[in-house]
Amino acid sequence: LLRAAGFCDAVCEEGAVLQCRSCDDRVSSGSCEGDHGAEERGEEATLESAPRALLEVLAVVEVARLALRDQVADRAGAAGGPPLRCQDVAVARALECALLDHVGQQSVDMAEAEKKRRRADEAAVVASPLRWRDGLDAVGGAFLCDGGPLEEWLDCDVTHRRLARDLLELQAAATR
C-alpha cells in the first residue's frame, strides 16, 4: 500500500515507525519504544517527527485496518466462514467506502481550515493601521475611504473597521 502510494522513500527514512511489531499501543501514545536507529541520530522516534506524507499514509492505513477489523468481526459472527481476502466483494467494498469517507472528511477539514486561515488573514489586514483601506476595498468598501469624516472614524479605531467590514460582508451576502 505504501509503495503503491509513492511513499516508499519517506517510509524508509522513518523506518522506526514501520519496524514496530505491535503499533496499536505505540501509535495511540505517539511514540515508538523500539531501538530503530533514532537514538543514533540523537532523536526520539515519535509520530510528531514523521513527515506529513507519512502521517497521511498512517491515517489511511488505520482506516483500512479498522474496516478490515469490522469485516473480521462480521465473519466471526457468521460462524467462521472462509478466510478474509481483499478480493472478496464485501471486503473490497468496505475498504473502498472507508477510504473514500476518510478522504472526503479530510477534504472537508482542509476546506474549513483554509476558510479559518483566510478569515484570520482578512481580520489582520483590517486591524492593521497601514493596510486597513486595502482590506475594506477587497470586500467592496472603497467608497468608505473618501477622505471624509467616515474615513476618519474608521481610522481612529479597529472596532470601527471590523464593524464596517462585517456590514460590507453582510451586504454582499444579502445581494447574492
C-alpha atoms as a PDB file:
ATOM      1  CA  LEU A   1       0.000   0.000   0.000  1.00  0.00           C
ATOM      2  CA  LEU A   2       2.774   2.435   0.927  1.00  0.00           C
ATOM      3  CA  ARG A   3       4.823   1.594  -2.157  1.00  0.00           C
ATOM      4  CA  ALA A   4       1.775   1.993  -4.413  1.00  0.00           C
ATOM      5  CA  ALA A   5       1.021   5.371  -2.843  1.00  0.00           C
ATOM      6  CA  GLY A   6       4.530   6.595  -3.734  1.00  0.00           C
ATOM      7  CA  PHE A   7       5.752   6.930  -0.146  1.00  0.00           C
ATOM      8  CA  CYS A   8       8.471   4.291  -0.171  1.00  0.00           C
ATOM      9  CA  ASP A   9      11.341   6.783   0.305  1.00  0.00           C
ATOM     10  CA  ALA A  10       9.646   8.552   3.224  1.00  0.00           C
ATOM     11  CA  VAL A  11       8.862   5.213   4.798  1.00  0.00           C
ATOM     12  CA  CYS A  12      12.469   4.056   4.501  1.00  0.00           C
ATOM     13  CA  GLU A  13      13.704   7.257   6.163  1.00  0.00           C
ATOM     14  CA  GLU A  14      11.249   6.800   9.039  1.00  0.00           C
ATOM     15  CA  GLY A  15      11.847   3.073   9.436  1.00  0.00           C
ATOM     16  CA  ALA A  16      11.262   3.299  13.169  1.00  0.00           C
ATOM     17  CA  VAL A  17       7.541   3.692  12.655  1.00  0.00           C
ATOM     18  CA  LEU A  18       7.341   0.719  10.298  1.00  0.00           C
ATOM     19  CA  GLN A  19       9.550  -1.666  12.252  1.00  0.00           C
ATOM     20  CA  CYS A  20       7.355  -1.709  15.347  1.00  0.00           C
ATOM     21  CA  ARG A  21       5.771  -5.131  15.708  1.00  0.00           C
ATOM     22  CA  SER A  22       2.704  -4.136  17.704  1.00  0.00           C
ATOM     23  CA  CYS A  23       1.985  -0.493  16.978  1.00  0.00           C
ATOM     24  CA  ASP A  24      -1.523  -0.152  18.394  1.00  0.00           C
ATOM     25  CA  ASP A  25      -0.358   0.988  21.813  1.00  0.00           C
ATOM     26  CA  ARG A  26       2.634   2.901  20.412  1.00  0.00           C
ATOM     27  CA  VAL A  27       0.539   4.784  17.875  1.00  0.00           C
ATOM     28  CA  SER A  28      -2.014   5.783  20.476  1.00  0.00           C
ATOM     29  CA  SER A  29       0.707   7.015  22.820  1.00  0.00           C
ATOM     30  CA  GLY A  30       2.552   8.755  19.966  1.00  0.00           C
ATOM     31  CA  SER A  31       5.914   7.101  20.369  1.00  0.00           C
ATOM     32  CA  CYS A  32       7.842   4.025  19.408  1.00  0.00           C
ATOM     33  CA  GLU A  33       9.788   2.363  22.199  1.00  0.00           C
ATOM     34  CA  GLY A  34      11.909   0.145  19.989  1.00  0.00           C
ATOM     35  CA  ASP A  35      15.528   0.806  19.110  1.00  0.00           C
ATOM     36  CA  HIS A  36      15.420   1.552  15.410  1.00  0.00           C
ATOM     37  CA  GLY A  37      18.330   3.912  14.989  1.00  0.00           C
ATOM     38  CA  ALA A  38      16.678   7.102  16.242  1.00  0.00           C
ATOM     39  CA  GLU A  39      18.922   7.258  19.263  1.00  0.00           C
ATOM     40  CA  GLU A  40      21.957   7.014  16.981  1.00  0.00           C
ATOM     41  CA  ARG A  41      20.783  10.182  15.256  1.00  0.00           C
ATOM     42  CA  GLY A  42      20.135  11.844  18.606  1.00  0.00           C
ATOM     43  CA  GLU A  43      16.351  11.974  18.183  1.00  0.00           C
ATOM     44  CA  GLU A  44      13.389  10.235  19.672  1.00  0.00           C
ATOM     45  CA  ALA A  45      11.245   8.328  17.190  1.00  0.00           C
ATOM     46  CA  THR A  46       7.781   9.870  17.513  1.00  0.00           C
ATOM     47  CA  LEU A  47       4.850  10.271  15.190  1.00  0.00           C
ATOM     48  CA  GLU A  48       5.175  14.033  15.606  1.00  0.00           C
ATOM     49  CA  SER A  49       8.633  13.924  13.989  1.00  0.00           C
ATOM     50  CA  ALA A  50       7.424  11.925  10.982  1.00  0.00           C
ATOM     51  CA  PRO A  51       6.935  13.706   7.651  1.00  0.00           C
ATOM     52  CA  ARG A  52       3.416  14.872   6.855  1.00  0.00           C
ATOM     53  CA  ALA A  53       3.136  12.435   3.938  1.00  0.00           C
ATOM     54  CA  LEU A  54       3.935   9.510   6.231  1.00  0.00           C
ATOM     55  CA  LEU A  55       1.340  10.660   8.755  1.00  0.00           C
ATOM     56  CA  GLU A  56      -1.255  10.770   5.977  1.00  0.00           C
ATOM     57  CA  VAL A  57      -0.345   7.240   4.917  1.00  0.00           C
ATOM     58  CA  LEU A  58      -0.536   6.047   8.520  1.00  0.00           C
ATOM     59  CA  ALA A  59      -4.006   7.581   8.832  1.00  0.00           C
ATOM     60  CA  VAL A  60      -5.145   5.783   5.661  1.00  0.00           C
ATOM     61  CA  VAL A  61      -3.665   2.514   6.913  1.00  0.00           C
ATOM     62  CA  GLU A  62      -5.502   2.964  10.228  1.00  0.00           C
ATOM     63  CA  VAL A  63      -8.788   3.479   8.349  1.00  0.00           C
ATOM     64  CA  ALA A  64      -8.135   0.328   6.320  1.00  0.00           C
ATOM     65  CA  ARG A  65      -7.226  -1.603   9.487  1.00  0.00           C
ATOM     66  CA  LEU A  66     -10.462  -0.586  11.173  1.00  0.00           C
ATOM     67  CA  ALA A  67     -12.509  -1.534   8.102  1.00  0.00           C
ATOM     68  CA  LEU A  68     -10.819  -4.929   7.948  1.00  0.00           C
ATOM     69  CA  ARG A  69     -11.298  -5.432  11.693  1.00  0.00           C
ATOM     70  CA  ASP A  70     -15.028  -4.828  11.210  1.00  0.00           C
ATOM     71  CA  GLN A  71     -15.074  -7.369   8.375  1.00  0.00           C
ATOM     72  CA  VAL A  72     -13.301  -9.925  10.565  1.00  0.00           C
ATOM     73  CA  ALA A  73     -15.828  -9.305  13.334  1.00  0.00           C
ATOM     74  CA  ASP A  74     -18.689  -9.763  10.863  1.00  0.00           C
ATOM     75  CA  ARG A  75     -17.168 -13.024   9.636  1.00  0.00           C
ATOM     76  CA  ALA A  76     -16.650 -14.265  13.196  1.00  0.00           C
ATOM     77  CA  GLY A  77     -20.310 -13.584  13.913  1.00  0.00           C
ATOM     78  CA  ALA A  78     -21.324 -15.577  10.827  1.00  0.00           C
ATOM     79  CA  ALA A  79     -19.959 -18.921  12.081  1.00  0.00           C
ATOM     80  CA  GLY A  80     -16.384 -18.522  10.879  1.00  0.00           C
ATOM     81  CA  GLY A  81     -16.689 -18.566   7.126  1.00  0.00           C
ATOM     82  CA  PRO A  82     -13.785 -18.542   4.677  1.00  0.00           C
ATOM     83  CA  PRO A  83     -10.646 -16.530   5.463  1.00  0.00           C
ATOM     84  CA  LEU A  84     -10.768 -12.805   4.840  1.00  0.00           C
ATOM     85  CA  ARG A  85      -9.423 -11.770   1.410  1.00  0.00           C
ATOM     86  CA  CYS A  86      -9.238  -8.293  -0.103  1.00  0.00           C
ATOM     87  CA  GLN A  87     -10.521  -9.738  -3.379  1.00  0.00           C
ATOM     88  CA  ASP A  88     -13.861 -10.557  -1.761  1.00  0.00           C
ATOM     89  CA  VAL A  89     -16.504  -8.110  -2.969  1.00  0.00           C
ATOM     90  CA  ALA A  90     -17.765  -7.273   0.517  1.00  0.00           C
ATOM     91  CA  VAL A  91     -14.255  -6.676   1.834  1.00  0.00           C
ATOM     92  CA  ALA A  92     -13.230  -4.593  -1.169  1.00  0.00           C
ATOM     93  CA  ARG A  93     -16.414  -2.525  -0.901  1.00  0.00           C
ATOM     94  CA  ALA A  94     -15.894  -1.962   2.842  1.00  0.00           C
ATOM     95  CA  LEU A  95     -12.297  -0.854   2.275  1.00  0.00           C
ATOM     96  CA  GLU A  96     -13.262   1.424  -0.589  1.00  0.00           C
ATOM     97  CA  CYS A  97     -16.099   3.050   1.343  1.00  0.00           C
ATOM     98  CA  ALA A  98     -13.958   3.552   4.441  1.00  0.00           C
ATOM     99  CA  LEU A  99     -11.119   5.113   2.460  1.00  0.00           C
ATOM    100  CA  LEU A 100     -13.423   7.332   0.421  1.00  0.00           C
ATOM    101  CA  ASP A 101     -15.141   8.516   3.596  1.00  0.00           C
ATOM    102  CA  HIS A 102     -11.738   9.270   5.124  1.00  0.00           C
ATOM    103  CA  VAL A 103     -10.559  11.232   2.086  1.00  0.00           C
ATOM    104  CA  GLY A 104     -13.856  13.107   1.897  1.00  0.00           C
ATOM    105  CA  GLN A 105     -13.647  14.088   5.560  1.00  0.00           C
ATOM    106  CA  GLN A 106     -10.048  15.234   5.093  1.00  0.00           C
ATOM    107  CA  SER A 107     -11.175  17.417   2.206  1.00  0.00           C
ATOM    108  CA  VAL A 108     -13.893  18.987   4.354  1.00  0.00           C
ATOM    109  CA  ASP A 109     -11.439  19.533   7.214  1.00  0.00           C
ATOM    110  CA  MET A 110      -8.887  21.154   4.888  1.00  0.00           C
ATOM    111  CA  ALA A 111     -11.541  23.462   3.416  1.00  0.00           C
ATOM    112  CA  GLU A 112     -12.632  24.541   6.891  1.00  0.00           C
ATOM    113  CA  ALA A 113      -9.036  25.158   7.956  1.00  0.00           C
ATOM    114  CA  GLU A 114      -8.395  27.206   4.811  1.00  0.00           C
ATOM    115  CA  LYS A 115     -11.538  29.260   5.429  1.00  0.00           C
ATOM    116  CA  LYS A 116     -10.456  29.964   9.024  1.00  0.00           C
ATOM    117  CA  ARG A 117      -6.976  30.945   7.848  1.00  0.00           C
ATOM    118  CA  ARG A 118      -8.390  33.250   5.181  1.00  0.00           C
ATOM    119  CA  ARG A 119     -10.738  34.872   7.723  1.00  0.00           C
ATOM    120  CA  ALA A 120      -7.850  35.407  10.148  1.00  0.00           C
ATOM    121  CA  ASP A 121      -5.777  36.989   7.370  1.00  0.00           C
ATOM    122  CA  GLU A 122      -8.644  39.312   6.435  1.00  0.00           C
ATOM    123  CA  ALA A 123      -9.150  40.292  10.071  1.00  0.00           C
ATOM    124  CA  ALA A 124      -5.421  41.005  10.428  1.00  0.00           C
ATOM    125  CA  VAL A 125      -5.491  43.283   7.381  1.00  0.00           C
ATOM    126  CA  VAL A 126      -8.474  45.250   8.695  1.00  0.00           C
ATOM    127  CA  ALA A 127      -6.810  45.545  12.120  1.00  0.00           C
ATOM    128  CA  SER A 128      -3.594  46.862  10.568  1.00  0.00           C
ATOM    129  CA  PRO A 129      -3.181  50.639  10.892  1.00  0.00           C
ATOM    130  CA  LEU A 130      -1.482  50.745   7.477  1.00  0.00           C
ATOM    131  CA  ARG A 131      -3.386  48.192   5.367  1.00  0.00           C
ATOM    132  CA  TRP A 132      -6.986  48.522   6.566  1.00  0.00           C
ATOM    133  CA  ARG A 133      -8.018  50.540   3.496  1.00  0.00           C
ATOM    134  CA  ASP A 134      -6.910  47.670   1.232  1.00  0.00           C
ATOM    135  CA  GLY A 135      -8.849  45.227   3.407  1.00  0.00           C
ATOM    136  CA  LEU A 136     -12.077  47.197   3.137  1.00  0.00           C
ATOM    137  CA  ASP A 137     -11.520  47.754  -0.571  1.00  0.00           C
ATOM    138  CA  ALA A 138     -11.201  43.982  -1.054  1.00  0.00           C
ATOM    139  CA  VAL A 139     -14.735  43.459   0.294  1.00  0.00           C
ATOM    140  CA  GLY A 140     -16.243  46.338  -1.686  1.00  0.00           C
ATOM    141  CA  GLY A 141     -15.676  49.229   0.707  1.00  0.00           C
ATOM    142  CA  ALA A 142     -13.572  51.569  -1.423  1.00  0.00           C
ATOM    143  CA  PHE A 143     -16.328  54.195  -1.197  1.00  0.00           C
ATOM    144  CA  LEU A 144     -15.759  54.376   2.577  1.00  0.00           C
ATOM    145  CA  CYS A 145     -12.251  55.760   2.087  1.00  0.00           C
ATOM    146  CA  ASP A 146     -13.043  59.150   0.548  1.00  0.00           C
ATOM    147  CA  GLY A 147     -11.009  61.320   2.934  1.00  0.00           C
ATOM    148  CA  GLY A 148     -14.112  62.484   4.781  1.00  0.00           C
ATOM    149  CA  PRO A 149     -15.393  62.102   8.321  1.00  0.00           C
ATOM    150  CA  LEU A 150     -16.333  58.433   7.791  1.00  0.00           C
ATOM    151  CA  GLU A 151     -12.756  57.551   6.884  1.00  0.00           C
ATOM    152  CA  GLU A 152     -11.520  59.445   9.950  1.00  0.00           C
ATOM    153  CA  TRP A 153     -13.972  57.479  12.102  1.00  0.00           C
ATOM    154  CA  LEU A 154     -12.689  54.213  10.593  1.00  0.00           C
ATOM    155  CA  ASP A 155      -9.083  55.290  11.063  1.00  0.00           C
ATOM    156  CA  CYS A 156      -9.459  56.032  14.768  1.00  0.00           C
ATOM    157  CA  ASP A 157     -10.440  52.531  15.991  1.00  0.00           C
ATOM    158  CA  VAL A 158     -10.004  48.900  14.934  1.00  0.00           C
ATOM    159  CA  THR A 159     -13.507  48.067  16.166  1.00  0.00           C
ATOM    160  CA  HIS A 160     -14.979  50.589  13.730  1.00  0.00           C
ATOM    161  CA  ARG A 161     -13.128  48.968  10.830  1.00  0.00           C
ATOM    162  CA  ARG A 162     -14.255  45.491  11.887  1.00  0.00           C
ATOM    163  CA  LEU A 163     -17.866  46.650  12.059  1.00  0.00           C
ATOM    164  CA  ALA A 164     -17.582  48.228   8.617  1.00  0.00           C
ATOM    165  CA  ARG A 165     -16.113  45.012   7.180  1.00  0.00           C
ATOM    166  CA  ASP A 166     -18.840  42.919   8.788  1.00  0.00           C
ATOM    167  CA  LEU A 167     -21.513  45.210   7.330  1.00  0.00           C
ATOM    168  CA  LEU A 168     -19.923  45.046   3.871  1.00  0.00           C
ATOM    169  CA  GLU A 169     -19.834  41.237   4.025  1.00  0.00           C
ATOM    170  CA  LEU A 170     -23.450  41.158   5.198  1.00  0.00           C
ATOM    171  CA  GLN A 171     -24.468  43.445   2.342  1.00  0.00           C
ATOM    172  CA  ALA A 172     -22.645  41.255  -0.199  1.00  0.00           C
ATOM    173  CA  ALA A 173     -24.307  38.119   1.210  1.00  0.00           C
ATOM    174  CA  ALA A 174     -27.743  39.782   1.087  1.00  0.00           C
ATOM    175  CA  THR A 175     -27.352  40.740  -2.559  1.00  0.00           C
ATOM    176  CA  ARG A 176     -26.334  37.192  -3.510  1.00  0.00           C
END
